[in-house]
Amino acid sequence: MDLLPGTVFPTNKQKEKEMPAVVDKDKCTGCGECKSACPCDAIEIVDGKAQVNDDCAGCGVCADTCPSGAITIE
């Protein structure tokens, strides 16, 4: 994934009004594509499913990468 020069991800305090990525556990296959693509290192695979942590900046890279469409940004 190529980011534009100067791309800045907001801190948790900056994004209080934003919701991070949400994983639909029924759709998630646990492939790890989202984890590999996440520039914030905010996704882990737990019990075979993606799980988003508080480091999520809500950038949407994971949602764009997910082959099963299990991740949305709300």
PDB file of N, CA and C in Angstrom:
ATOM      1  N   MET A   1       0.840  -1.163   0.000  1.00  0.00           N
ATOM      2  CA  MET A   1       0.000   0.000   0.000  1.00  0.00           C
ATOM      3  C   MET A   1       0.889   1.230   0.000  1.00  0.00           C
ATOM      4  N   ASP A   2       0.595   2.184  -0.875  1.00  0.00           N
ATOM      5  CA  ASP A   2       1.348   3.432  -0.937  1.00  0.00           C
ATOM      6  C   ASP A   2       0.504   4.542  -0.344  1.00  0.00           C
ATOM      7  N   LEU A   3       1.075   5.235   0.623  1.00  0.00           N
ATOM      8  CA  LEU A   3       0.401   6.376   1.222  1.00  0.00           C
ATOM      9  C   LEU A   3       0.938   7.649   0.596  1.00  0.00           C
ATOM     10  N   LEU A   4       0.104   8.655   0.522  1.00  0.00           N
ATOM     11  CA  LEU A   4       0.547   9.938   0.000  1.00  0.00           C
ATOM     12  C   LEU A   4       1.555  10.551   0.953  1.00  0.00           C
ATOM     13  N   PRO A   5       2.553  11.248   0.412  1.00  0.00           N
ATOM     14  CA  PRO A   5       3.513  11.920   1.298  1.00  0.00           C
ATOM     15  C   PRO A   5       2.779  12.862   2.244  1.00  0.00           C
ATOM     16  N   GLY A   6       3.193  12.860   3.481  1.00  0.00           N
ATOM     17  CA  GLY A   6       2.563  13.748   4.456  1.00  0.00           C
ATOM     18  C   GLY A   6       1.299  13.199   5.078  1.00  0.00           C
ATOM     19  N   THR A   7       0.931  11.938   4.763  1.00  0.00           N
ATOM     20  CA  THR A   7      -0.257  11.344   5.359  1.00  0.00           C
ATOM     21  C   THR A   7      -0.067  11.256   6.868  1.00  0.00           C
ATOM     22  N   VAL A   8      -1.043  11.769   7.587  1.00  0.00           N
ATOM     23  CA  VAL A   8      -0.982  11.760   9.040  1.00  0.00           C
ATOM     24  C   VAL A   8      -2.226  11.061   9.565  1.00  0.00           C
ATOM     25  N   PHE A   9      -2.027  10.129  10.479  1.00  0.00           N
ATOM     26  CA  PHE A   9      -3.143   9.428  11.076  1.00  0.00           C
ATOM     27  C   PHE A   9      -3.463  10.087  12.405  1.00  0.00           C
ATOM     28  N   PRO A  10      -4.731  10.371  12.659  1.00  0.00           N
ATOM     29  CA  PRO A  10      -5.101  11.038  13.910  1.00  0.00           C
ATOM     30  C   PRO A  10      -4.864  10.159  15.126  1.00  0.00           C
ATOM     31  N   THR A  11      -4.583  10.793  16.235  1.00  0.00           N
ATOM     32  CA  THR A  11      -4.452  10.062  17.491  1.00  0.00           C
ATOM     33  C   THR A  11      -5.851   9.774  18.011  1.00  0.00           C
ATOM     34  N   ASN A  12      -5.955   8.931  19.016  1.00  0.00           N
ATOM     35  CA  ASN A  12      -7.262   8.618  19.588  1.00  0.00           C
ATOM     36  C   ASN A  12      -7.973   9.870  20.082  1.00  0.00           C
ATOM     37  N   LYS A  13      -7.249  10.837  20.655  1.00  0.00           N
ATOM     38  CA  LYS A  13      -7.883  12.066  21.131  1.00  0.00           C
ATOM     39  C   LYS A  13      -8.431  12.888  19.976  1.00  0.00           C
ATOM     40  N   GLN A  14      -7.729  12.876  18.831  1.00  0.00           N
ATOM     41  CA  GLN A  14      -8.167  13.633  17.671  1.00  0.00           C
ATOM     42  C   GLN A  14      -9.403  13.019  17.030  1.00  0.00           C
ATOM     43  N   LYS A  15      -9.609  11.731  17.199  1.00  0.00           N
ATOM     44  CA  LYS A  15     -10.692  11.057  16.489  1.00  0.00           C
ATOM     45  C   LYS A  15     -11.838  10.639  17.402  1.00  0.00           C
ATOM     46  N   GLU A  16     -12.038  11.355  18.483  1.00  0.00           N
ATOM     47  CA  GLU A  16     -13.077  10.961  19.437  1.00  0.00           C
ATOM     48  C   GLU A  16     -14.443  10.792  18.787  1.00  0.00           C
ATOM     49  N   LYS A  17     -14.745  11.564  17.750  1.00  0.00           N
ATOM     50  CA  LYS A  17     -16.053  11.491  17.115  1.00  0.00           C
ATOM     51  C   LYS A  17     -16.103  10.435  16.012  1.00  0.00           C
ATOM     52  N   GLU A  18     -14.966   9.894  15.639  1.00  0.00           N
ATOM     53  CA  GLU A  18     -14.921   8.868  14.599  1.00  0.00           C
ATOM     54  C   GLU A  18     -15.035   7.484  15.214  1.00  0.00           C
ATOM     55  N   MET A  19     -15.672   6.588  14.495  1.00  0.00           N
ATOM     56  CA  MET A  19     -15.731   5.200  14.927  1.00  0.00           C
ATOM     57  C   MET A  19     -14.664   4.437  14.152  1.00  0.00           C
ATOM     58  N   PRO A  20     -13.982   3.544  14.813  1.00  0.00           N
ATOM     59  CA  PRO A  20     -12.969   2.765  14.101  1.00  0.00           C
ATOM     60  C   PRO A  20     -13.601   1.686  13.229  1.00  0.00           C
ATOM     61  N   ALA A  21     -12.754   0.904  12.656  1.00  0.00           N
ATOM     62  CA  ALA A  21     -13.213  -0.212  11.830  1.00  0.00           C
ATOM     63  C   ALA A  21     -14.016  -1.191  12.675  1.00  0.00           C
ATOM     64  N   VAL A  22     -15.044  -1.754  12.062  1.00  0.00           N
ATOM     65  CA  VAL A  22     -15.900  -2.736  12.727  1.00  0.00           C
ATOM     66  C   VAL A  22     -15.844  -4.027  11.917  1.00  0.00           C
ATOM     67  N   VAL A  23     -15.603  -5.136  12.593  1.00  0.00           N
ATOM     68  CA  VAL A  23     -15.485  -6.438  11.926  1.00  0.00           C
ATOM     69  C   VAL A  23     -16.762  -7.237  12.118  1.00  0.00           C
ATOM     70  N   ASP A  24     -17.327  -7.709  11.010  1.00  0.00           N
ATOM     71  CA  ASP A  24     -18.464  -8.629  11.056  1.00  0.00           C
ATOM     72  C   ASP A  24     -17.872 -10.030  11.202  1.00  0.00           C
ATOM     73  N   LYS A  25     -17.934 -10.566  12.401  1.00  0.00           N
ATOM     74  CA  LYS A  25     -17.304 -11.857  12.708  1.00  0.00           C
ATOM     75  C   LYS A  25     -17.879 -13.002  11.872  1.00  0.00           C
ATOM     76  N   ASP A  26     -19.126 -12.862  11.429  1.00  0.00           N
ATOM     77  CA  ASP A  26     -19.727 -13.909  10.606  1.00  0.00           C
ATOM     78  C   ASP A  26     -19.113 -13.952   9.207  1.00  0.00           C
ATOM     79  N   LYS A  27     -18.676 -12.800   8.711  1.00  0.00           N
ATOM     80  CA  LYS A  27     -18.080 -12.726   7.374  1.00  0.00           C
ATOM     81  C   LYS A  27     -16.564 -12.933   7.394  1.00  0.00           C
ATOM     82  N   CYS A  28     -15.933 -12.623   8.503  1.00  0.00           N
ATOM     83  CA  CYS A  28     -14.473 -12.671   8.599  1.00  0.00           C
ATOM     84  C   CYS A  28     -13.967 -14.108   8.463  1.00  0.00           C
ATOM     85  N   THR A  29     -12.984 -14.296   7.583  1.00  0.00           N
ATOM     86  CA  THR A  29     -12.391 -15.620   7.390  1.00  0.00           C
ATOM     87  C   THR A  29     -11.061 -15.764   8.131  1.00  0.00           C
ATOM     88  N   GLY A  30     -10.587 -14.678   8.724  1.00  0.00           N
ATOM     89  CA  GLY A  30      -9.327 -14.719   9.456  1.00  0.00           C
ATOM     90  C   GLY A  30      -8.105 -14.806   8.563  1.00  0.00           C
ATOM     91  N   CYS A  31      -8.228 -14.355   7.321  1.00  0.00           N
ATOM     92  CA  CYS A  31      -7.131 -14.483   6.350  1.00  0.00           C
ATOM     93  C   CYS A  31      -5.921 -13.615   6.697  1.00  0.00           C
ATOM     94  N   GLY A  32      -6.131 -12.512   7.424  1.00  0.00           N
ATOM     95  CA  GLY A  32      -5.025 -11.655   7.831  1.00  0.00           C
ATOM     96  C   GLY A  32      -4.652 -10.566   6.847  1.00  0.00           C
ATOM     97  N   GLU A  33      -5.374 -10.454   5.740  1.00  0.00           N
ATOM     98  CA  GLU A  33      -5.082  -9.394   4.768  1.00  0.00           C
ATOM     99  C   GLU A  33      -5.197  -8.016   5.407  1.00  0.00           C
ATOM    100  N   CYS A  34      -6.205  -7.826   6.239  1.00  0.00           N
ATOM    101  CA  CYS A  34      -6.408  -6.538   6.908  1.00  0.00           C
ATOM    102  C   CYS A  34      -5.258  -6.222   7.859  1.00  0.00           C
ATOM    103  N   LYS A  35      -4.813  -7.227   8.587  1.00  0.00           N
ATOM    104  CA  LYS A  35      -3.700  -7.061   9.528  1.00  0.00           C
ATOM    105  C   LYS A  35      -2.442  -6.636   8.785  1.00  0.00           C
ATOM    106  N   SER A  36      -2.176  -7.277   7.667  1.00  0.00           N
ATOM    107  CA  SER A  36      -0.995  -6.945   6.870  1.00  0.00           C
ATOM    108  C   SER A  36      -1.068  -5.542   6.291  1.00  0.00           C
ATOM    109  N   ALA A  37      -2.271  -5.096   5.934  1.00  0.00           N
ATOM    110  CA  ALA A  37      -2.442  -3.804   5.283  1.00  0.00           C
ATOM    111  C   ALA A  37      -2.521  -2.629   6.245  1.00  0.00           C
ATOM    112  N   CYS A  38      -2.870  -2.870   7.490  1.00  0.00           N
ATOM    113  CA  CYS A  38      -3.124  -1.788   8.446  1.00  0.00           C
ATOM    114  C   CYS A  38      -1.858  -0.978   8.741  1.00  0.00           C
ATOM    115  N   PRO A  39      -1.857   0.328   8.402  1.00  0.00           N
ATOM    116  CA  PRO A  39      -0.677   1.155   8.659  1.00  0.00           C
ATOM    117  C   PRO A  39      -0.519   1.525  10.136  1.00  0.00           C
ATOM    118  N   CYS A  40      -1.548   1.288  10.937  1.00  0.00           N
ATOM    119  CA  CYS A  40      -1.510   1.632  12.363  1.00  0.00           C
ATOM    120  C   CYS A  40      -1.224   0.427  13.251  1.00  0.00           C
ATOM    121  N   ASP A  41      -1.091  -0.741  12.641  1.00  0.00           N
ATOM    122  CA  ASP A  41      -0.881  -1.978  13.389  1.00  0.00           C
ATOM    123  C   ASP A  41      -1.983  -2.161  14.436  1.00  0.00           C
ATOM    124  N   ALA A  42      -3.228  -1.913  13.993  1.00  0.00           N
ATOM    125  CA  ALA A  42      -4.368  -1.912  14.904  1.00  0.00           C
ATOM    126  C   ALA A  42      -5.240  -3.160  14.805  1.00  0.00           C
ATOM    127  N   ILE A  43      -4.790  -4.163  14.063  1.00  0.00           N
ATOM    128  CA  ILE A  43      -5.605  -5.368  13.886  1.00  0.00           C
ATOM    129  C   ILE A  43      -4.805  -6.600  14.270  1.00  0.00           C
ATOM    130  N   GLU A  44      -5.433  -7.463  15.029  1.00  0.00           N
ATOM    131  CA  GLU A  44      -4.875  -8.763  15.397  1.00  0.00           C
ATOM    132  C   GLU A  44      -5.865  -9.830  14.966  1.00  0.00           C
ATOM    133  N   ILE A  45      -5.362 -11.022  14.760  1.00  0.00           N
ATOM    134  CA  ILE A  45      -6.236 -12.163  14.483  1.00  0.00           C
ATOM    135  C   ILE A  45      -6.351 -12.941  15.790  1.00  0.00           C
ATOM    136  N   VAL A  46      -7.566 -12.977  16.344  1.00  0.00           N
ATOM    137  CA  VAL A  46      -7.833 -13.628  17.625  1.00  0.00           C
ATOM    138  C   VAL A  46      -8.896 -14.698  17.402  1.00  0.00           C
ATOM    139  N   ASP A  47      -8.580 -15.911  17.771  1.00  0.00           N
ATOM    140  CA  ASP A  47      -9.498 -17.040  17.580  1.00  0.00           C
ATOM    141  C   ASP A  47      -9.982 -17.139  16.133  1.00  0.00           C
ATOM    142  N   GLY A  48      -9.079 -16.859  15.195  1.00  0.00           N
ATOM    143  CA  GLY A  48      -9.398 -17.002  13.780  1.00  0.00           C
ATOM    144  C   GLY A  48     -10.208 -15.879  13.182  1.00  0.00           C
ATOM    145  N   LYS A  49     -10.349 -14.765  13.896  1.00  0.00           N
ATOM    146  CA  LYS A  49     -11.118 -13.618  13.401  1.00  0.00           C
ATOM    147  C   LYS A  49     -10.344 -12.332  13.637  1.00  0.00           C
ATOM    148  N   ALA A  50     -10.534 -11.352  12.762  1.00  0.00           N
ATOM    149  CA  ALA A  50      -9.889 -10.052  12.930  1.00  0.00           C
ATOM    150  C   ALA A  50     -10.501  -9.327  14.116  1.00  0.00           C
ATOM    151  N   GLN A  51      -9.642  -8.643  14.843  1.00  0.00           N
ATOM    152  CA  GLN A  51     -10.089  -7.842  15.988  1.00  0.00           C
ATOM    153  C   GLN A  51      -9.343  -6.505  15.930  1.00  0.00           C
ATOM    154  N   VAL A  52     -10.086  -5.408  16.003  1.00  0.00           N
ATOM    155  CA  VAL A  52      -9.514  -4.071  15.911  1.00  0.00           C
ATOM    156  C   VAL A  52      -9.274  -3.530  17.315  1.00  0.00           C
ATOM    157  N   ASN A  53      -8.090  -2.922  17.517  1.00  0.00           N
ATOM    158  CA  ASN A  53      -7.793  -2.358  18.833  1.00  0.00           C
ATOM    159  C   ASN A  53      -7.912  -0.826  18.811  1.00  0.00           C
ATOM    160  N   ASP A  54      -7.603  -0.194  19.925  1.00  0.00           N
ATOM    161  CA  ASP A  54      -7.768   1.253  20.082  1.00  0.00           C
ATOM    162  C   ASP A  54      -6.821   2.086  19.238  1.00  0.00           C
ATOM    163  N   ASP A  55      -5.842   1.468  18.598  1.00  0.00           N
ATOM    164  CA  ASP A  55      -4.918   2.213  17.749  1.00  0.00           C
ATOM    165  C   ASP A  55      -5.515   2.534  16.386  1.00  0.00           C
ATOM    166  N   CYS A  56      -6.719   2.037  16.107  1.00  0.00           N
ATOM    167  CA  CYS A  56      -7.365   2.257  14.813  1.00  0.00           C
ATOM    168  C   CYS A  56      -7.596   3.745  14.572  1.00  0.00           C
ATOM    169  N   ALA A  57      -7.130   4.210  13.408  1.00  0.00           N
ATOM    170  CA  ALA A  57      -7.301   5.610  13.023  1.00  0.00           C
ATOM    171  C   ALA A  57      -8.527   5.803  12.137  1.00  0.00           C
ATOM    172  N   GLY A  58      -9.201   4.726  11.790  1.00  0.00           N
ATOM    173  CA  GLY A  58     -10.382   4.834  10.945  1.00  0.00           C
ATOM    174  C   GLY A  58     -10.070   5.203   9.507  1.00  0.00           C
ATOM    175  N   CYS A  59      -8.882   4.841   9.023  1.00  0.00           N
ATOM    176  CA  CYS A  59      -8.445   5.239   7.677  1.00  0.00           C
ATOM    177  C   CYS A  59      -9.148   4.459   6.569  1.00  0.00           C
ATOM    178  N   GLY A  60      -9.623   3.242   6.863  1.00  0.00           N
ATOM    179  CA  GLY A  60     -10.361   2.451   5.882  1.00  0.00           C
ATOM    180  C   GLY A  60      -9.529   1.525   5.015  1.00  0.00           C
ATOM    181  N   VAL A  61      -8.214   1.501   5.219  1.00  0.00           N
ATOM    182  CA  VAL A  61      -7.360   0.626   4.418  1.00  0.00           C
ATOM    183  C   VAL A  61      -7.758  -0.833   4.609  1.00  0.00           C
ATOM    184  N   CYS A  62      -8.065  -1.221   5.825  1.00  0.00           N
ATOM    185  CA  CYS A  62      -8.454  -2.606   6.094  1.00  0.00           C
ATOM    186  C   CYS A  62      -9.749  -2.970   5.367  1.00  0.00           C
ATOM    187  N   ALA A  63     -10.706  -2.062   5.393  1.00  0.00           N
ATOM    188  CA  ALA A  63     -11.990  -2.314   4.726  1.00  0.00           C
ATOM    189  C   ALA A  63     -11.801  -2.462   3.221  1.00  0.00           C
ATOM    190  N   ASP A  64     -10.919  -1.642   2.652  1.00  0.00           N
ATOM    191  CA  ASP A  64     -10.641  -1.722   1.217  1.00  0.00           C
ATOM    192  C   ASP A  64      -9.910  -3.003   0.865  1.00  0.00           C
ATOM    193  N   THR A  65      -9.137  -3.543   1.794  1.00  0.00           N
ATOM    194  CA  THR A  65      -8.315  -4.723   1.570  1.00  0.00           C
ATOM    195  C   THR A  65      -9.057  -6.031   1.816  1.00  0.00           C
ATOM    196  N   CYS A  66     -10.039  -6.026   2.689  1.00  0.00           N
ATOM    197  CA  CYS A  66     -10.722  -7.251   3.123  1.00  0.00           C
ATOM    198  C   CYS A  66     -11.436  -7.934   1.949  1.00  0.00           C
ATOM    199  N   PRO A  67     -11.000  -9.157   1.589  1.00  0.00           N
ATOM    200  CA  PRO A  67     -11.613  -9.838   0.452  1.00  0.00           C
ATOM    201  C   PRO A  67     -13.033 -10.349   0.733  1.00  0.00           C
ATOM    202  N   SER A  68     -13.397 -10.482   1.997  1.00  0.00           N
ATOM    203  CA  SER A  68     -14.736 -10.993   2.303  1.00  0.00           C
ATOM    204  C   SER A  68     -15.731  -9.875   2.639  1.00  0.00           C
ATOM    205  N   GLY A  69     -15.268  -8.634   2.630  1.00  0.00           N
ATOM    206  CA  GLY A  69     -16.165  -7.516   2.936  1.00  0.00           C
ATOM    207  C   GLY A  69     -16.621  -7.496   4.384  1.00  0.00           C
ATOM    208  N   ALA A  70     -15.810  -8.052   5.271  1.00  0.00           N
ATOM    209  CA  ALA A  70     -16.196  -8.170   6.686  1.00  0.00           C
ATOM    210  C   ALA A  70     -15.927  -6.912   7.495  1.00  0.00           C
ATOM    211  N   ILE A  71     -15.204  -5.936   6.934  1.00  0.00           N
ATOM    212  CA  ILE A  71     -14.839  -4.755   7.703  1.00  0.00           C
ATOM    213  C   ILE A  71     -15.480  -3.512   7.119  1.00  0.00           C
ATOM    214  N   THR A  72     -16.077  -2.733   8.003  1.00  0.00           N
ATOM    215  CA  THR A  72     -16.658  -1.452   7.603  1.00  0.00           C
ATOM    216  C   THR A  72     -16.122  -0.362   8.529  1.00  0.00           C
ATOM    217  N   ILE A  73     -16.173   0.862   8.062  1.00  0.00           N
ATOM    218  CA  ILE A  73     -15.802   2.020   8.883  1.00  0.00           C
ATOM    219  C   ILE A  73     -17.090   2.743   9.206  1.00  0.00           C
ATOM    220  N   GLU A  74     -17.382   2.848  10.485  1.00  0.00           N
ATOM    221  CA  GLU A  74     -18.643   3.494  10.894  1.00  0.00           C
ATOM    222  C   GLU A  74     -18.386   4.802  11.583  1.00  0.00           C
TER     223      GLU A  74
END
